Amino acid sequence: MQDEATQTTVTQEVKAKRTVKNSIFLDLFKDKKYLLTLYKTLHPEDTKATENSLTDITIENVLTDNLYNDLGFIANNKLMILIEAQSI
């Protein structure tokens, strides 16, 4: 018979870094070239949009280091707020 010490298995909990996708998303769309591409994909009818017509309004949370909304911008009088569904 084996004793209890040799039968015990060690389990290690692996936690995914959930902010990786969020930070890639934010870093990508901070560049107005990519933000314009995103906007034109969502609104192909707006042919007048340029990089200069985009205004970043992403809100930072004042109580923590995290961003309050994932991405917010205004393009030709259209307010665009893109948020990620959160789970616990």
PDB file of N, CA and C in Angstrom:
ATOM      1  N   MET A   1       0.833  -1.196   0.000  1.00  0.00           N
ATOM      2  CA  MET A   1       0.000   0.000   0.000  1.00  0.00           C
ATOM      3  C   MET A   1       0.872   1.252   0.000  1.00  0.00           C
ATOM      4  N   GLN A   2       0.388   2.264  -0.722  1.00  0.00           N
ATOM      5  CA  GLN A   2       1.100   3.550  -0.730  1.00  0.00           C
ATOM      6  C   GLN A   2       0.603   4.387   0.431  1.00  0.00           C
ATOM      7  N   ASP A   3       1.498   5.178   0.985  1.00  0.00           N
ATOM      8  CA  ASP A   3       1.017   6.028   2.063  1.00  0.00           C
ATOM      9  C   ASP A   3       0.381   7.295   1.501  1.00  0.00           C
ATOM     10  N   GLU A   4      -0.366   8.003   2.359  1.00  0.00           N
ATOM     11  CA  GLU A   4      -1.147   9.169   1.918  1.00  0.00           C
ATOM     12  C   GLU A   4      -0.284  10.260   1.298  1.00  0.00           C
ATOM     13  N   ALA A   5       0.915  10.426   1.759  1.00  0.00           N
ATOM     14  CA  ALA A   5       1.793  11.492   1.259  1.00  0.00           C
ATOM     15  C   ALA A   5       2.129  11.281  -0.205  1.00  0.00           C
ATOM     16  N   THR A   6       2.296  10.027  -0.632  1.00  0.00           N
ATOM     17  CA  THR A   6       2.630   9.790  -2.029  1.00  0.00           C
ATOM     18  C   THR A   6       1.391   9.808  -2.926  1.00  0.00           C
ATOM     19  N   GLN A   7       0.216   9.616  -2.350  1.00  0.00           N
ATOM     20  CA  GLN A   7      -1.020   9.636  -3.131  1.00  0.00           C
ATOM     21  C   GLN A   7      -1.526  11.059  -3.367  1.00  0.00           C
ATOM     22  N   THR A   8      -1.128  11.995  -2.573  1.00  0.00           N
ATOM     23  CA  THR A   8      -1.596  13.366  -2.684  1.00  0.00           C
ATOM     24  C   THR A   8      -1.013  14.004  -3.940  1.00  0.00           C
ATOM     25  N   THR A   9      -1.875  14.564  -4.748  1.00  0.00           N
ATOM     26  CA  THR A   9      -1.403  15.255  -5.942  1.00  0.00           C
ATOM     27  C   THR A   9      -1.487  16.755  -5.706  1.00  0.00           C
ATOM     28  N   VAL A  10      -0.537  17.434  -6.254  1.00  0.00           N
ATOM     29  CA  VAL A  10      -0.503  18.887  -6.115  1.00  0.00           C
ATOM     30  C   VAL A  10      -1.215  19.484  -7.315  1.00  0.00           C
ATOM     31  N   THR A  11      -2.202  20.302  -7.051  1.00  0.00           N
ATOM     32  CA  THR A  11      -2.899  20.992  -8.144  1.00  0.00           C
ATOM     33  C   THR A  11      -2.550  22.462  -8.068  1.00  0.00           C
ATOM     34  N   GLN A  12      -2.320  23.022  -9.226  1.00  0.00           N
ATOM     35  CA  GLN A  12      -1.966  24.426  -9.305  1.00  0.00           C
ATOM     36  C   GLN A  12      -3.026  25.120 -10.137  1.00  0.00           C
ATOM     37  N   GLU A  13      -3.595  26.147  -9.583  1.00  0.00           N
ATOM     38  CA  GLU A  13      -4.630  26.882 -10.290  1.00  0.00           C
ATOM     39  C   GLU A  13      -3.971  27.862 -11.243  1.00  0.00           C
ATOM     40  N   VAL A  14      -4.383  27.800 -12.492  1.00  0.00           N
ATOM     41  CA  VAL A  14      -3.847  28.698 -13.503  1.00  0.00           C
ATOM     42  C   VAL A  14      -4.886  29.768 -13.778  1.00  0.00           C
ATOM     43  N   LYS A  15      -4.490  31.010 -13.636  1.00  0.00           N
ATOM     44  CA  LYS A  15      -5.402  32.124 -13.884  1.00  0.00           C
ATOM     45  C   LYS A  15      -4.949  32.869 -15.124  1.00  0.00           C
ATOM     46  N   ALA A  16      -5.878  33.084 -16.015  1.00  0.00           N
ATOM     47  CA  ALA A  16      -5.573  33.813 -17.243  1.00  0.00           C
ATOM     48  C   ALA A  16      -5.520  35.306 -16.946  1.00  0.00           C
ATOM     49  N   LYS A  17      -4.643  35.982 -17.625  1.00  0.00           N
ATOM     50  CA  LYS A  17      -4.579  37.435 -17.506  1.00  0.00           C
ATOM     51  C   LYS A  17      -5.658  38.009 -18.421  1.00  0.00           C
ATOM     52  N   ARG A  18      -6.767  38.384 -17.842  1.00  0.00           N
ATOM     53  CA  ARG A  18      -7.936  38.808 -18.615  1.00  0.00           C
ATOM     54  C   ARG A  18      -7.770  40.197 -19.233  1.00  0.00           C
ATOM     55  N   THR A  19      -6.790  40.959 -18.792  1.00  0.00           N
ATOM     56  CA  THR A  19      -6.623  42.307 -19.328  1.00  0.00           C
ATOM     57  C   THR A  19      -5.803  42.334 -20.612  1.00  0.00           C
ATOM     58  N   VAL A  20      -5.259  41.188 -21.026  1.00  0.00           N
ATOM     59  CA  VAL A  20      -4.416  41.169 -22.226  1.00  0.00           C
ATOM     60  C   VAL A  20      -5.208  41.597 -23.450  1.00  0.00           C
ATOM     61  N   LYS A  21      -6.377  40.990 -23.677  1.00  0.00           N
ATOM     62  CA  LYS A  21      -7.176  41.355 -24.847  1.00  0.00           C
ATOM     63  C   LYS A  21      -7.593  42.811 -24.783  1.00  0.00           C
ATOM     64  N   ASN A  22      -7.961  43.282 -23.596  1.00  0.00           N
ATOM     65  CA  ASN A  22      -8.387  44.658 -23.429  1.00  0.00           C
ATOM     66  C   ASN A  22      -7.261  45.629 -23.759  1.00  0.00           C
ATOM     67  N   SER A  23      -6.052  45.356 -23.278  1.00  0.00           N
ATOM     68  CA  SER A  23      -4.955  46.288 -23.531  1.00  0.00           C
ATOM     69  C   SER A  23      -4.553  46.285 -25.004  1.00  0.00           C
ATOM     70  N   ILE A  24      -4.626  45.144 -25.662  1.00  0.00           N
ATOM     71  CA  ILE A  24      -4.341  45.095 -27.104  1.00  0.00           C
ATOM     72  C   ILE A  24      -5.379  45.914 -27.855  1.00  0.00           C
ATOM     73  N   PHE A  25      -6.640  45.749 -27.489  1.00  0.00           N
ATOM     74  CA  PHE A  25      -7.738  46.505 -28.098  1.00  0.00           C
ATOM     75  C   PHE A  25      -7.503  48.003 -27.953  1.00  0.00           C
ATOM     76  N   LEU A  26      -7.195  48.437 -26.739  1.00  0.00           N
ATOM     77  CA  LEU A  26      -6.980  49.866 -26.500  1.00  0.00           C
ATOM     78  C   LEU A  26      -5.746  50.391 -27.219  1.00  0.00           C
ATOM     79  N   ASP A  27      -4.655  49.643 -27.165  1.00  0.00           N
ATOM     80  CA  ASP A  27      -3.427  50.082 -27.836  1.00  0.00           C
ATOM     81  C   ASP A  27      -3.621  50.195 -29.343  1.00  0.00           C
ATOM     82  N   LEU A  28      -4.340  49.258 -29.924  1.00  0.00           N
ATOM     83  CA  LEU A  28      -4.575  49.271 -31.365  1.00  0.00           C
ATOM     84  C   LEU A  28      -5.386  50.490 -31.777  1.00  0.00           C
ATOM     85  N   PHE A  29      -6.477  50.747 -31.065  1.00  0.00           N
ATOM     86  CA  PHE A  29      -7.373  51.817 -31.488  1.00  0.00           C
ATOM     87  C   PHE A  29      -7.001  53.195 -30.937  1.00  0.00           C
ATOM     88  N   LYS A  30      -5.912  53.312 -30.200  1.00  0.00           N
ATOM     89  CA  LYS A  30      -5.393  54.639 -29.861  1.00  0.00           C
ATOM     90  C   LYS A  30      -4.765  55.275 -31.096  1.00  0.00           C
ATOM     91  N   ASP A  31      -4.351  54.451 -32.026  1.00  0.00           N
ATOM     92  CA  ASP A  31      -3.808  54.921 -33.304  1.00  0.00           C
ATOM     93  C   ASP A  31      -4.989  55.313 -34.202  1.00  0.00           C
ATOM     94  N   LYS A  32      -5.054  56.578 -34.569  1.00  0.00           N
ATOM     95  CA  LYS A  32      -6.208  57.075 -35.327  1.00  0.00           C
ATOM     96  C   LYS A  32      -6.373  56.398 -36.684  1.00  0.00           C
ATOM     97  N   LYS A  33      -5.298  55.885 -37.237  1.00  0.00           N
ATOM     98  CA  LYS A  33      -5.399  55.176 -38.516  1.00  0.00           C
ATOM     99  C   LYS A  33      -6.296  53.950 -38.356  1.00  0.00           C
ATOM    100  N   TYR A  34      -6.073  53.196 -37.288  1.00  0.00           N
ATOM    101  CA  TYR A  34      -6.877  51.998 -37.037  1.00  0.00           C
ATOM    102  C   TYR A  34      -8.270  52.357 -36.545  1.00  0.00           C
ATOM    103  N   LEU A  35      -8.378  53.435 -35.779  1.00  0.00           N
ATOM    104  CA  LEU A  35      -9.673  53.883 -35.304  1.00  0.00           C
ATOM    105  C   LEU A  35     -10.548  54.307 -36.483  1.00  0.00           C
ATOM    106  N   LEU A  36      -9.963  54.971 -37.455  1.00  0.00           N
ATOM    107  CA  LEU A  36     -10.711  55.366 -38.652  1.00  0.00           C
ATOM    108  C   LEU A  36     -11.170  54.137 -39.435  1.00  0.00           C
ATOM    109  N   THR A  37     -10.303  53.145 -39.535  1.00  0.00           N
ATOM    110  CA  THR A  37     -10.684  51.903 -40.219  1.00  0.00           C
ATOM    111  C   THR A  37     -11.860  51.236 -39.510  1.00  0.00           C
ATOM    112  N   LEU A  38     -11.823  51.198 -38.181  1.00  0.00           N
ATOM    113  CA  LEU A  38     -12.927  50.639 -37.404  1.00  0.00           C
ATOM    114  C   LEU A  38     -14.209  51.420 -37.661  1.00  0.00           C
ATOM    115  N   TYR A  39     -14.116  52.747 -37.597  1.00  0.00           N
ATOM    116  CA  TYR A  39     -15.295  53.582 -37.806  1.00  0.00           C
ATOM    117  C   TYR A  39     -15.880  53.373 -39.208  1.00  0.00           C
ATOM    118  N   LYS A  40     -15.037  53.346 -40.211  1.00  0.00           N
ATOM    119  CA  LYS A  40     -15.531  53.166 -41.583  1.00  0.00           C
ATOM    120  C   LYS A  40     -16.129  51.782 -41.793  1.00  0.00           C
ATOM    121  N   THR A  41     -15.657  50.804 -41.039  1.00  0.00           N
ATOM    122  CA  THR A  41     -16.250  49.463 -41.102  1.00  0.00           C
ATOM    123  C   THR A  41     -17.652  49.482 -40.497  1.00  0.00           C
ATOM    124  N   LEU A  42     -17.827  50.218 -39.416  1.00  0.00           N
ATOM    125  CA  LEU A  42     -19.132  50.305 -38.772  1.00  0.00           C
ATOM    126  C   LEU A  42     -20.091  51.246 -39.489  1.00  0.00           C
ATOM    127  N   HIS A  43     -19.542  52.268 -40.155  1.00  0.00           N
ATOM    128  CA  HIS A  43     -20.362  53.262 -40.870  1.00  0.00           C
ATOM    129  C   HIS A  43     -19.814  53.499 -42.277  1.00  0.00           C
ATOM    130  N   PRO A  44     -19.998  52.539 -43.174  1.00  0.00           N
ATOM    131  CA  PRO A  44     -19.458  52.701 -44.538  1.00  0.00           C
ATOM    132  C   PRO A  44     -20.114  53.837 -45.315  1.00  0.00           C
ATOM    133  N   GLU A  45     -21.278  54.271 -44.865  1.00  0.00           N
ATOM    134  CA  GLU A  45     -21.970  55.371 -45.559  1.00  0.00           C
ATOM    135  C   GLU A  45     -21.292  56.721 -45.330  1.00  0.00           C
ATOM    136  N   ASP A  46     -20.490  56.839 -44.299  1.00  0.00           N
ATOM    137  CA  ASP A  46     -19.817  58.100 -43.982  1.00  0.00           C
ATOM    138  C   ASP A  46     -18.480  58.153 -44.731  1.00  0.00           C
ATOM    139  N   THR A  47     -18.513  58.727 -45.910  1.00  0.00           N
ATOM    140  CA  THR A  47     -17.314  58.799 -46.751  1.00  0.00           C
ATOM    141  C   THR A  47     -16.455  60.023 -46.439  1.00  0.00           C
ATOM    142  N   LYS A  48     -16.948  60.928 -45.600  1.00  0.00           N
ATOM    143  CA  LYS A  48     -16.231  62.161 -45.298  1.00  0.00           C
ATOM    144  C   LYS A  48     -15.335  62.055 -44.062  1.00  0.00           C
ATOM    145  N   ALA A  49     -15.391  60.945 -43.350  1.00  0.00           N
ATOM    146  CA  ALA A  49     -14.607  60.804 -42.123  1.00  0.00           C
ATOM    147  C   ALA A  49     -13.113  60.757 -42.426  1.00  0.00           C
ATOM    148  N   THR A  50     -12.349  61.475 -41.612  1.00  0.00           N
ATOM    149  CA  THR A  50     -10.885  61.480 -41.722  1.00  0.00           C
ATOM    150  C   THR A  50     -10.309  61.271 -40.322  1.00  0.00           C
ATOM    151  N   GLU A  51      -9.015  61.050 -40.252  1.00  0.00           N
ATOM    152  CA  GLU A  51      -8.365  60.913 -38.946  1.00  0.00           C
ATOM    153  C   GLU A  51      -8.545  62.180 -38.118  1.00  0.00           C
ATOM    154  N   ASN A  52      -8.532  63.328 -38.770  1.00  0.00           N
ATOM    155  CA  ASN A  52      -8.680  64.608 -38.052  1.00  0.00           C
ATOM    156  C   ASN A  52     -10.093  64.824 -37.533  1.00  0.00           C
ATOM    157  N   SER A  53     -11.081  64.100 -38.084  1.00  0.00           N
ATOM    158  CA  SER A  53     -12.456  64.270 -37.618  1.00  0.00           C
ATOM    159  C   SER A  53     -12.776  63.372 -36.417  1.00  0.00           C
ATOM    160  N   LEU A  54     -11.812  62.568 -35.974  1.00  0.00           N
ATOM    161  CA  LEU A  54     -12.026  61.678 -34.827  1.00  0.00           C
ATOM    162  C   LEU A  54     -11.515  62.333 -33.553  1.00  0.00           C
ATOM    163  N   THR A  55     -12.302  62.264 -32.499  1.00  0.00           N
ATOM    164  CA  THR A  55     -11.916  62.795 -31.199  1.00  0.00           C
ATOM    165  C   THR A  55     -12.009  61.679 -30.169  1.00  0.00           C
ATOM    166  N   ASP A  56     -10.896  61.352 -29.533  1.00  0.00           N
ATOM    167  CA  ASP A  56     -10.871  60.314 -28.508  1.00  0.00           C
ATOM    168  C   ASP A  56     -11.498  60.861 -27.238  1.00  0.00           C
ATOM    169  N   ILE A  57     -12.482  60.150 -26.693  1.00  0.00           N
ATOM    170  CA  ILE A  57     -13.109  60.563 -25.432  1.00  0.00           C
ATOM    171  C   ILE A  57     -13.117  59.409 -24.431  1.00  0.00           C
ATOM    172  N   THR A  58     -12.154  58.499 -24.547  1.00  0.00           N
ATOM    173  CA  THR A  58     -12.062  57.389 -23.609  1.00  0.00           C
ATOM    174  C   THR A  58     -11.898  57.949 -22.204  1.00  0.00           C
ATOM    175  N   ILE A  59     -12.744  57.511 -21.283  1.00  0.00           N
ATOM    176  CA  ILE A  59     -12.772  58.052 -19.922  1.00  0.00           C
ATOM    177  C   ILE A  59     -11.907  57.190 -19.011  1.00  0.00           C
ATOM    178  N   GLU A  60     -11.040  57.831 -18.242  1.00  0.00           N
ATOM    179  CA  GLU A  60     -10.248  57.107 -17.251  1.00  0.00           C
ATOM    180  C   GLU A  60     -10.947  57.194 -15.915  1.00  0.00           C
ATOM    181  N   ASN A  61     -10.922  56.089 -15.191  1.00  0.00           N
ATOM    182  CA  ASN A  61     -11.520  56.038 -13.866  1.00  0.00           C
ATOM    183  C   ASN A  61     -10.622  56.813 -12.909  1.00  0.00           C
ATOM    184  N   VAL A  62     -11.174  57.730 -12.155  1.00  0.00           N
ATOM    185  CA  VAL A  62     -10.370  58.574 -11.274  1.00  0.00           C
ATOM    186  C   VAL A  62     -10.002  57.883  -9.967  1.00  0.00           C
ATOM    187  N   LEU A  63     -10.687  56.803  -9.614  1.00  0.00           N
ATOM    188  CA  LEU A  63     -10.421  56.129  -8.351  1.00  0.00           C
ATOM    189  C   LEU A  63      -9.439  54.966  -8.476  1.00  0.00           C
ATOM    190  N   THR A  64      -9.293  54.432  -9.681  1.00  0.00           N
ATOM    191  CA  THR A  64      -8.358  53.329  -9.900  1.00  0.00           C
ATOM    192  C   THR A  64      -7.556  53.606 -11.160  1.00  0.00           C
ATOM    193  N   ASP A  65      -6.634  52.707 -11.466  1.00  0.00           N
ATOM    194  CA  ASP A  65      -5.815  52.868 -12.661  1.00  0.00           C
ATOM    195  C   ASP A  65      -6.497  52.338 -13.915  1.00  0.00           C
ATOM    196  N   ASN A  66      -7.649  51.711 -13.761  1.00  0.00           N
ATOM    197  CA  ASN A  66      -8.330  51.109 -14.909  1.00  0.00           C
ATOM    198  C   ASN A  66      -9.110  52.144 -15.712  1.00  0.00           C
ATOM    199  N   LEU A  67      -9.382  51.827 -16.963  1.00  0.00           N
ATOM    200  CA  LEU A  67     -10.219  52.686 -17.780  1.00  0.00           C
ATOM    201  C   LEU A  67     -11.683  52.425 -17.448  1.00  0.00           C
ATOM    202  N   TYR A  68     -12.487  53.458 -17.489  1.00  0.00           N
ATOM    203  CA  TYR A  68     -13.901  53.328 -17.156  1.00  0.00           C
ATOM    204  C   TYR A  68     -14.670  52.699 -18.311  1.00  0.00           C
ATOM    205  N   ASN A  69     -14.452  53.190 -19.531  1.00  0.00           N
ATOM    206  CA  ASN A  69     -15.037  52.531 -20.700  1.00  0.00           C
ATOM    207  C   ASN A  69     -13.898  52.098 -21.600  1.00  0.00           C
ATOM    208  N   ASP A  70     -14.108  51.056 -22.364  1.00  0.00           N
ATOM    209  CA  ASP A  70     -13.019  50.506 -23.160  1.00  0.00           C
ATOM    210  C   ASP A  70     -12.550  51.479 -24.229  1.00  0.00           C
ATOM    211  N   LEU A  71     -13.464  52.046 -24.971  1.00  0.00           N
ATOM    212  CA  LEU A  71     -13.075  52.958 -26.044  1.00  0.00           C
ATOM    213  C   LEU A  71     -14.236  53.886 -26.339  1.00  0.00           C
ATOM    214  N   GLY A  72     -13.973  55.160 -26.375  1.00  0.00           N
ATOM    215  CA  GLY A  72     -14.995  56.136 -26.717  1.00  0.00           C
ATOM    216  C   GLY A  72     -14.405  57.158 -27.668  1.00  0.00           C
ATOM    217  N   PHE A  73     -15.171  57.481 -28.706  1.00  0.00           N
ATOM    218  CA  PHE A  73     -14.721  58.522 -29.626  1.00  0.00           C
ATOM    219  C   PHE A  73     -15.911  59.156 -30.326  1.00  0.00           C
ATOM    220  N   ILE A  74     -15.671  60.329 -30.858  1.00  0.00           N
ATOM    221  CA  ILE A  74     -16.681  61.044 -31.641  1.00  0.00           C
ATOM    222  C   ILE A  74     -16.161  61.156 -33.059  1.00  0.00           C
ATOM    223  N   ALA A  75     -17.042  60.860 -34.014  1.00  0.00           N
ATOM    224  CA  ALA A  75     -16.701  60.986 -35.432  1.00  0.00           C
ATOM    225  C   ALA A  75     -17.882  61.621 -36.150  1.00  0.00           C
ATOM    226  N   ASN A  76     -17.649  62.794 -36.704  1.00  0.00           N
ATOM    227  CA  ASN A  76     -18.697  63.501 -37.452  1.00  0.00           C
ATOM    228  C   ASN A  76     -20.021  63.533 -36.702  1.00  0.00           C
ATOM    229  N   ASN A  77     -19.972  64.012 -35.465  1.00  0.00           N
ATOM    230  CA  ASN A  77     -21.143  64.170 -34.601  1.00  0.00           C
ATOM    231  C   ASN A  77     -21.815  62.859 -34.208  1.00  0.00           C
ATOM    232  N   LYS A  78     -21.113  61.755 -34.312  1.00  0.00           N
ATOM    233  CA  LYS A  78     -21.626  60.465 -33.846  1.00  0.00           C
ATOM    234  C   LYS A  78     -20.777  60.032 -32.660  1.00  0.00           C
ATOM    235  N   LEU A  79     -21.436  59.769 -31.541  1.00  0.00           N
ATOM    236  CA  LEU A  79     -20.748  59.292 -30.348  1.00  0.00           C
ATOM    237  C   LEU A  79     -20.664  57.771 -30.419  1.00  0.00           C
ATOM    238  N   MET A  80     -19.451  57.241 -30.349  1.00  0.00           N
ATOM    239  CA  MET A  80     -19.234  55.797 -30.412  1.00  0.00           C
ATOM    240  C   MET A  80     -18.575  55.356 -29.112  1.00  0.00           C
ATOM    241  N   ILE A  81     -19.230  54.449 -28.394  1.00  0.00           N
ATOM    242  CA  ILE A  81     -18.645  53.885 -27.182  1.00  0.00           C
ATOM    243  C   ILE A  81     -18.671  52.375 -27.348  1.00  0.00           C
ATOM    244  N   LEU A  82     -17.498  51.788 -27.359  1.00  0.00           N
ATOM    245  CA  LEU A  82     -17.358  50.338 -27.516  1.00  0.00           C
ATOM    246  C   LEU A  82     -16.909  49.772 -26.176  1.00  0.00           C
ATOM    247  N   ILE A  83     -17.736  48.901 -25.607  1.00  0.00           N
ATOM    248  CA  ILE A  83     -17.431  48.332 -24.301  1.00  0.00           C
ATOM    249  C   ILE A  83     -17.405  46.818 -24.373  1.00  0.00           C
ATOM    250  N   GLU A  84     -16.692  46.238 -23.459  1.00  0.00           N
ATOM    251  CA  GLU A  84     -16.562  44.787 -23.396  1.00  0.00           C
ATOM    252  C   GLU A  84     -17.469  44.257 -22.283  1.00  0.00           C
ATOM    253  N   ALA A  85     -18.165  43.158 -22.573  1.00  0.00           N
ATOM    254  CA  ALA A  85     -18.963  42.508 -21.540  1.00  0.00           C
ATOM    255  C   ALA A  85     -18.027  41.938 -20.479  1.00  0.00           C
ATOM    256  N   GLN A  86     -18.345  42.167 -19.240  1.00  0.00           N
ATOM    257  CA  GLN A  86     -17.488  41.711 -18.149  1.00  0.00           C
ATOM    258  C   GLN A  86     -18.123  40.524 -17.448  1.00  0.00           C
ATOM    259  N   SER A  87     -17.308  39.595 -16.995  1.00  0.00           N
ATOM    260  CA  SER A  87     -17.798  38.474 -16.199  1.00  0.00           C
ATOM    261  C   SER A  87     -16.905  38.317 -14.984  1.00  0.00           C
ATOM    262  N   ILE A  88     -17.445  37.735 -13.963  1.00  0.00           N
ATOM    263  CA  ILE A  88     -16.672  37.560 -12.730  1.00  0.00           C
ATOM    264  C   ILE A  88     -16.101  36.176 -12.682  1.00  0.00           C
TER     265      ILE A  88
END
